[in-house]
Amino acid sequence: MDFLQAIIIAIVEGLTEFLPISSTAHMGFAANLMGMKETEFLKMFQVSIQFGAILAVVIAYWKKFFDFSNLQFYIKLAISVIPALVLGKLFDDKIEAVLGNQIAISAVLVIGGIVLLFVDNWFKNPKILDEKELSIPKGLVIGFWQCLAMMPGTSRSAASIIGGMTQGLSRKAAAEFSFFLAVPTMLAVTVYSVFVKTWAEGTPHAAKGYEMLLSSSNNLLLFLVGNLVAFVTAWIAIKSFIAFLNKYGFRPWGVYRIIVGLGLLAYFYISK
């Protein structure tokens, strides 16, 4: 991976992480289109640069994250993230196996797009307009919805926002809670991928994420640049998404997913 490729992957991550279009799918497609070999470092890089994206959420909503008098906010997030932590650990190997199957991910992109075409019609009368009104049990339900995104191509953002709307949240409140829930979820995934997970386990090249990063100054610099770029682009996406979602709803995202998914299915089928 060279620096231009790392920057492009990071831009894709930052712009798509909080949109209902699947950042995992888009990073995989971008890497494939650039002819990048699917190395263990590339897979770890795509996960670890989520750290830059979550920093953008913390900074954008710093008053919420650093209001230590609002203890229930932290409790709510801690409980809501439990399903993703448990199920993510249980299905880690299966999730990783699907990451290289671009045809399957493209198909999921299309299916998710079809769902988004109808979401606005399913939830027309929200009862909860602010995250503060969300109960802990409802937050836990949203946490389970978020787990649908363990299938690459689904979109963590889409799953958790739709989960929020099933619990009576408005589109804006559901999107913001999805942002908040992303912080502990993606932080845990990043820490796991860098410090806990052994990549290429069972092979002579097995290594922890941090060992790959420290194996060369180039790898470490790629990691730092990737997180910085992901931070900036995620900030832009966060600032724009809420206003766009309030005005246009989910249908444009559904159309986008279907068009891109079908185009990629055709591309991968022809290039086989």
Protein backbone atom coordinates (compact mmCIF):
# COMPACT_ATOMS: atom_id res chain seq x y z
CA MET A 1 0.00 0.00 0.00
CA ASP A 2 1.36 3.40 -0.95
CA PHE A 3 0.38 6.77 0.54
CA LEU A 4 -2.05 7.70 -2.23
CA GLN A 5 -3.89 4.41 -1.81
CA ALA A 6 -3.97 4.88 1.98
CA ILE A 7 -5.38 8.39 1.60
CA ILE A 8 -8.08 7.21 -0.82
CA ILE A 9 -9.11 4.36 1.50
CA ALA A 10 -9.21 6.79 4.44
CA ILE A 11 -11.33 9.30 2.50
CA VAL A 12 -13.77 6.52 1.63
CA GLU A 13 -13.90 5.41 5.28
CA GLY A 14 -14.50 8.90 6.64
CA LEU A 15 -17.18 9.82 4.12
CA THR A 16 -19.10 6.54 4.34
CA GLU A 17 -18.76 5.41 7.98
CA PHE A 18 -21.74 7.41 9.22
CA LEU A 19 -23.84 7.17 6.06
CA PRO A 20 -26.24 4.24 5.52
CA ILE A 21 -24.21 2.85 2.61
CA SER A 22 -21.60 0.59 4.30
CA SER A 23 -18.05 1.85 4.74
CA THR A 24 -16.71 -1.71 4.75
CA ALA A 25 -18.17 -2.37 1.32
CA HIS A 26 -16.88 0.90 -0.13
CA MET A 27 -13.37 0.44 1.25
CA GLY A 28 -13.26 -3.08 -0.13
CA PHE A 29 -14.46 -1.94 -3.54
CA ALA A 30 -11.99 0.97 -3.60
CA ALA A 31 -9.11 -1.34 -2.76
CA ASN A 32 -10.22 -3.81 -5.42
CA LEU A 33 -10.56 -1.11 -8.09
CA MET A 34 -7.06 0.13 -7.27
CA GLY A 35 -5.74 -3.40 -7.74
CA MET A 36 -4.59 -3.68 -4.14
CA LYS A 37 -3.65 -7.11 -2.83
CA GLU A 38 -5.75 -8.19 0.16
CA THR A 39 -2.99 -8.36 2.76
CA GLU A 40 -3.38 -8.69 6.50
CA PHE A 41 -2.04 -5.17 6.91
CA LEU A 42 -4.68 -3.79 4.51
CA LYS A 43 -7.48 -5.51 6.45
CA MET A 44 -6.11 -4.21 9.76
CA PHE A 45 -5.66 -0.72 8.30
CA GLN A 46 -9.29 -0.59 7.11
CA VAL A 47 -10.49 -1.42 10.62
CA SER A 48 -8.03 0.69 12.60
CA ILE A 49 -8.62 3.98 10.75
CA GLN A 50 -12.13 3.94 12.19
CA PHE A 51 -10.43 5.52 15.20
CA GLY A 52 -10.07 8.77 13.25
CA ALA A 53 -13.74 8.64 12.31
CA ILE A 54 -14.93 8.20 15.88
CA LEU A 55 -12.77 11.11 17.02
CA ALA A 56 -14.77 13.26 14.61
CA VAL A 57 -17.97 12.27 16.45
CA VAL A 58 -16.47 13.02 19.86
CA ILE A 59 -15.28 16.45 18.72
CA ALA A 60 -18.52 17.28 16.86
CA TYR A 61 -20.58 16.39 19.96
CA TRP A 62 -17.99 17.24 22.60
CA LYS A 63 -20.55 18.84 24.93
CA LYS A 64 -22.45 15.53 25.03
CA PHE A 65 -19.37 13.32 25.50
CA PHE A 66 -17.78 15.50 28.16
CA ASP A 67 -20.89 16.28 30.19
CA PHE A 68 -19.91 14.15 33.17
CA SER A 69 -23.03 15.19 35.05
CA ASN A 70 -25.11 13.18 32.57
CA LEU A 71 -24.23 9.75 33.93
CA GLN A 72 -27.18 8.05 32.22
CA PHE A 73 -25.72 8.90 28.80
CA TYR A 74 -22.59 6.85 29.54
CA ILE A 75 -24.60 4.01 31.09
CA LYS A 76 -26.89 3.95 28.06
CA LEU A 77 -23.99 3.66 25.64
CA ALA A 78 -22.17 1.08 27.77
CA ILE A 79 -25.21 -1.21 27.87
CA SER A 80 -26.19 -0.63 24.22
CA VAL A 81 -22.76 -1.66 22.96
CA ILE A 82 -22.75 -5.04 24.78
CA PRO A 83 -24.48 -7.03 21.97
CA ALA A 84 -21.91 -5.89 19.38
CA LEU A 85 -18.99 -6.71 21.69
CA VAL A 86 -20.26 -10.21 22.50
CA LEU A 87 -21.48 -11.22 19.05
CA GLY A 88 -18.54 -9.55 17.33
CA LYS A 89 -16.13 -11.69 19.32
CA LEU A 90 -18.13 -14.87 18.69
CA PHE A 91 -18.38 -14.36 14.93
CA ASP A 92 -15.04 -12.62 14.28
CA ASP A 93 -13.65 -15.39 12.05
CA LYS A 94 -16.85 -15.72 10.01
CA ILE A 95 -17.01 -11.95 9.49
CA GLU A 96 -13.41 -11.85 8.30
CA ALA A 97 -14.09 -14.70 5.87
CA VAL A 98 -16.86 -12.69 4.16
CA LEU A 99 -14.74 -9.53 3.84
CA GLY A 100 -13.04 -10.84 0.71
CA ASN A 101 -16.27 -11.90 -1.02
CA GLN A 102 -17.06 -8.78 -3.04
CA ILE A 103 -19.99 -10.39 -4.88
CA ALA A 104 -21.75 -11.26 -1.60
CA ILE A 105 -21.12 -7.76 -0.24
CA SER A 106 -22.46 -6.19 -3.46
CA ALA A 107 -25.62 -8.28 -3.16
CA VAL A 108 -26.12 -7.16 0.45
CA LEU A 109 -25.65 -3.56 -0.71
CA VAL A 110 -28.56 -3.99 -3.15
CA ILE A 111 -30.81 -5.73 -0.60
CA GLY A 112 -30.14 -3.00 1.96
CA GLY A 113 -30.91 -0.38 -0.67
CA ILE A 114 -34.32 -1.93 -1.34
CA VAL A 115 -35.07 -1.78 2.39
CA LEU A 116 -34.11 1.90 2.55
CA LEU A 117 -36.61 2.72 -0.20
CA PHE A 118 -39.46 1.92 2.21
CA VAL A 119 -38.10 2.89 5.64
CA ASP A 120 -39.56 6.41 5.61
CA ASN A 121 -43.05 4.98 5.02
CA TRP A 122 -42.74 2.50 7.87
CA PHE A 123 -41.96 5.04 10.60
CA LYS A 124 -44.01 8.19 10.10
CA ASN A 125 -44.97 9.07 13.67
CA PRO A 126 -41.88 9.27 15.91
CA LYS A 127 -42.44 9.74 19.63
CA ILE A 128 -38.87 10.39 20.77
CA LEU A 129 -37.26 13.55 19.41
CA ASP A 130 -34.14 13.64 21.57
CA GLU A 131 -31.65 11.04 22.80
CA LYS A 132 -32.30 12.11 26.40
CA GLU A 133 -35.82 10.66 26.14
CA LEU A 134 -34.49 7.24 25.08
CA SER A 135 -34.70 4.60 27.80
CA ILE A 136 -31.88 2.17 28.54
CA PRO A 137 -33.92 -0.91 27.40
CA LYS A 138 -34.70 0.79 24.08
CA GLY A 139 -31.02 1.64 23.70
CA LEU A 140 -30.18 -2.04 24.23
CA VAL A 141 -32.63 -3.01 21.47
CA ILE A 142 -30.86 -0.58 19.13
CA GLY A 143 -27.60 -2.25 20.14
CA PHE A 144 -28.96 -5.58 18.90
CA TRP A 145 -30.08 -3.95 15.65
CA GLN A 146 -26.55 -2.63 15.19
CA CYS A 147 -25.32 -6.24 15.14
CA LEU A 148 -26.98 -6.74 11.74
CA ALA A 149 -24.05 -4.77 10.35
CA MET A 150 -21.73 -7.67 11.16
CA MET A 151 -22.63 -8.85 7.69
CA PRO A 152 -20.31 -6.70 5.52
CA GLY A 153 -22.30 -4.48 3.18
CA THR A 154 -25.20 -3.98 5.60
CA SER A 155 -24.00 -0.66 7.12
CA ARG A 156 -23.69 -0.16 10.86
CA SER A 157 -25.20 3.29 10.48
CA ALA A 158 -28.25 2.05 8.56
CA ALA A 159 -28.87 -0.83 10.98
CA SER A 160 -28.65 1.29 14.12
CA ILE A 161 -30.67 4.20 12.67
CA ILE A 162 -33.47 1.88 11.55
CA GLY A 163 -33.24 0.18 14.95
CA GLY A 164 -33.69 3.57 16.59
CA MET A 165 -36.73 4.34 14.44
CA THR A 166 -38.32 1.02 15.45
CA GLN A 167 -38.05 2.30 19.04
CA GLY A 168 -39.92 5.50 18.22
CA LEU A 169 -36.99 7.85 17.56
CA SER A 170 -37.21 10.52 14.89
CA ARG A 171 -34.77 10.28 11.98
CA LYS A 172 -32.57 12.99 13.52
CA ALA A 173 -32.56 11.46 17.01
CA ALA A 174 -31.92 7.97 15.59
CA ALA A 175 -29.03 9.23 13.46
CA GLU A 176 -27.43 11.06 16.38
CA PHE A 177 -27.75 8.05 18.69
CA SER A 178 -26.19 5.98 15.91
CA PHE A 179 -23.24 8.41 15.95
CA PHE A 180 -22.95 8.15 19.74
CA LEU A 181 -23.18 4.35 19.72
CA ALA A 182 -20.47 4.20 17.04
CA VAL A 183 -17.90 5.60 19.47
CA PRO A 184 -17.69 2.70 21.98
CA THR A 185 -18.43 0.15 19.26
CA MET A 186 -15.72 1.26 16.86
CA LEU A 187 -13.27 2.07 19.64
CA ALA A 188 -13.59 -1.51 20.87
CA VAL A 189 -13.14 -2.87 17.33
CA THR A 190 -10.06 -0.69 16.76
CA VAL A 191 -8.43 -1.65 20.07
CA TYR A 192 -9.18 -5.32 19.38
CA SER A 193 -7.74 -5.19 15.86
CA VAL A 194 -4.56 -3.38 16.92
CA PHE A 195 -3.75 -4.83 20.34
CA VAL A 196 -5.61 -8.15 20.74
CA LYS A 197 -6.30 -9.87 17.44
CA THR A 198 -3.59 -12.01 15.86
CA TRP A 199 -3.71 -11.50 12.10
CA ALA A 200 -2.82 -14.41 9.79
CA GLU A 201 -3.05 -16.68 12.83
CA GLY A 202 -1.60 -20.13 12.27
CA THR A 203 0.84 -18.94 9.58
CA PRO A 204 4.52 -17.95 9.74
CA HIS A 205 3.39 -14.32 9.23
CA ALA A 206 1.08 -14.21 12.26
CA ALA A 207 1.30 -10.88 14.10
CA LYS A 208 -0.65 -8.50 16.29
CA GLY A 209 -1.84 -5.28 14.70
CA TYR A 210 0.62 -3.13 16.63
CA GLU A 211 3.45 -5.45 15.61
CA MET A 212 2.59 -4.82 11.95
CA LEU A 213 2.46 -1.08 12.59
CA LEU A 214 5.82 -1.03 14.38
CA SER A 215 7.50 -3.34 11.89
CA SER A 216 8.32 -0.36 9.69
CA SER A 217 8.16 3.43 9.86
CA ASN A 218 6.18 3.34 6.60
CA ASN A 219 3.37 1.25 8.13
CA LEU A 220 3.16 3.52 11.18
CA LEU A 221 3.05 6.64 9.01
CA LEU A 222 0.33 5.11 6.82
CA PHE A 223 -1.70 4.42 9.98
CA LEU A 224 -1.29 7.99 11.29
CA VAL A 225 -2.08 9.62 7.94
CA GLY A 226 -5.06 7.31 7.42
CA ASN A 227 -6.58 8.25 10.77
CA LEU A 228 -6.03 11.96 10.18
CA VAL A 229 -7.70 11.84 6.76
CA ALA A 230 -10.57 9.70 8.11
CA PHE A 231 -11.07 12.26 10.91
CA VAL A 232 -11.37 15.22 8.52
CA THR A 233 -13.66 13.49 6.03
CA ALA A 234 -15.85 11.99 8.76
CA TRP A 235 -16.28 15.48 10.25
CA ILE A 236 -17.57 16.70 6.87
CA ALA A 237 -19.93 13.72 6.54
CA ILE A 238 -21.34 14.14 10.05
CA LYS A 239 -22.00 17.84 9.55
CA SER A 240 -23.84 17.21 6.27
CA PHE A 241 -25.72 13.97 6.93
CA ILE A 242 -28.29 15.10 9.51
CA ALA A 243 -29.52 18.00 7.37
CA PHE A 244 -29.68 15.80 4.26
CA LEU A 245 -31.51 13.02 6.10
CA ASN A 246 -34.09 15.42 7.55
CA LYS A 247 -34.78 16.91 4.13
CA TYR A 248 -34.72 13.86 1.86
CA GLY A 249 -35.05 10.80 4.11
CA PHE A 250 -33.58 7.41 3.24
CA ARG A 251 -34.83 6.95 -0.33
CA PRO A 252 -31.83 8.64 -2.07
CA TRP A 253 -29.46 6.41 -0.12
CA GLY A 254 -31.52 3.38 -1.12
CA VAL A 255 -31.34 4.34 -4.80
CA TYR A 256 -27.60 4.94 -4.47
CA ARG A 257 -27.01 1.52 -2.88
CA ILE A 258 -29.02 -0.29 -5.54
CA ILE A 259 -27.25 1.44 -8.44
CA VAL A 260 -23.78 0.95 -6.97
CA GLY A 261 -24.51 -2.61 -5.87
CA LEU A 262 -25.84 -3.67 -9.27
CA GLY A 263 -22.94 -1.95 -11.04
CA LEU A 264 -20.43 -3.74 -8.84
CA LEU A 265 -22.17 -7.10 -9.27
CA ALA A 266 -21.84 -6.66 -13.02
CA TYR A 267 -18.20 -5.59 -12.68
CA PHE A 268 -17.18 -8.51 -10.46
CA TYR A 269 -19.16 -11.00 -12.59
CA ILE A 270 -17.48 -9.82 -15.82
CA SER A 271 -14.01 -9.67 -14.25
CA LYS A 272 -14.20 -13.20 -12.81
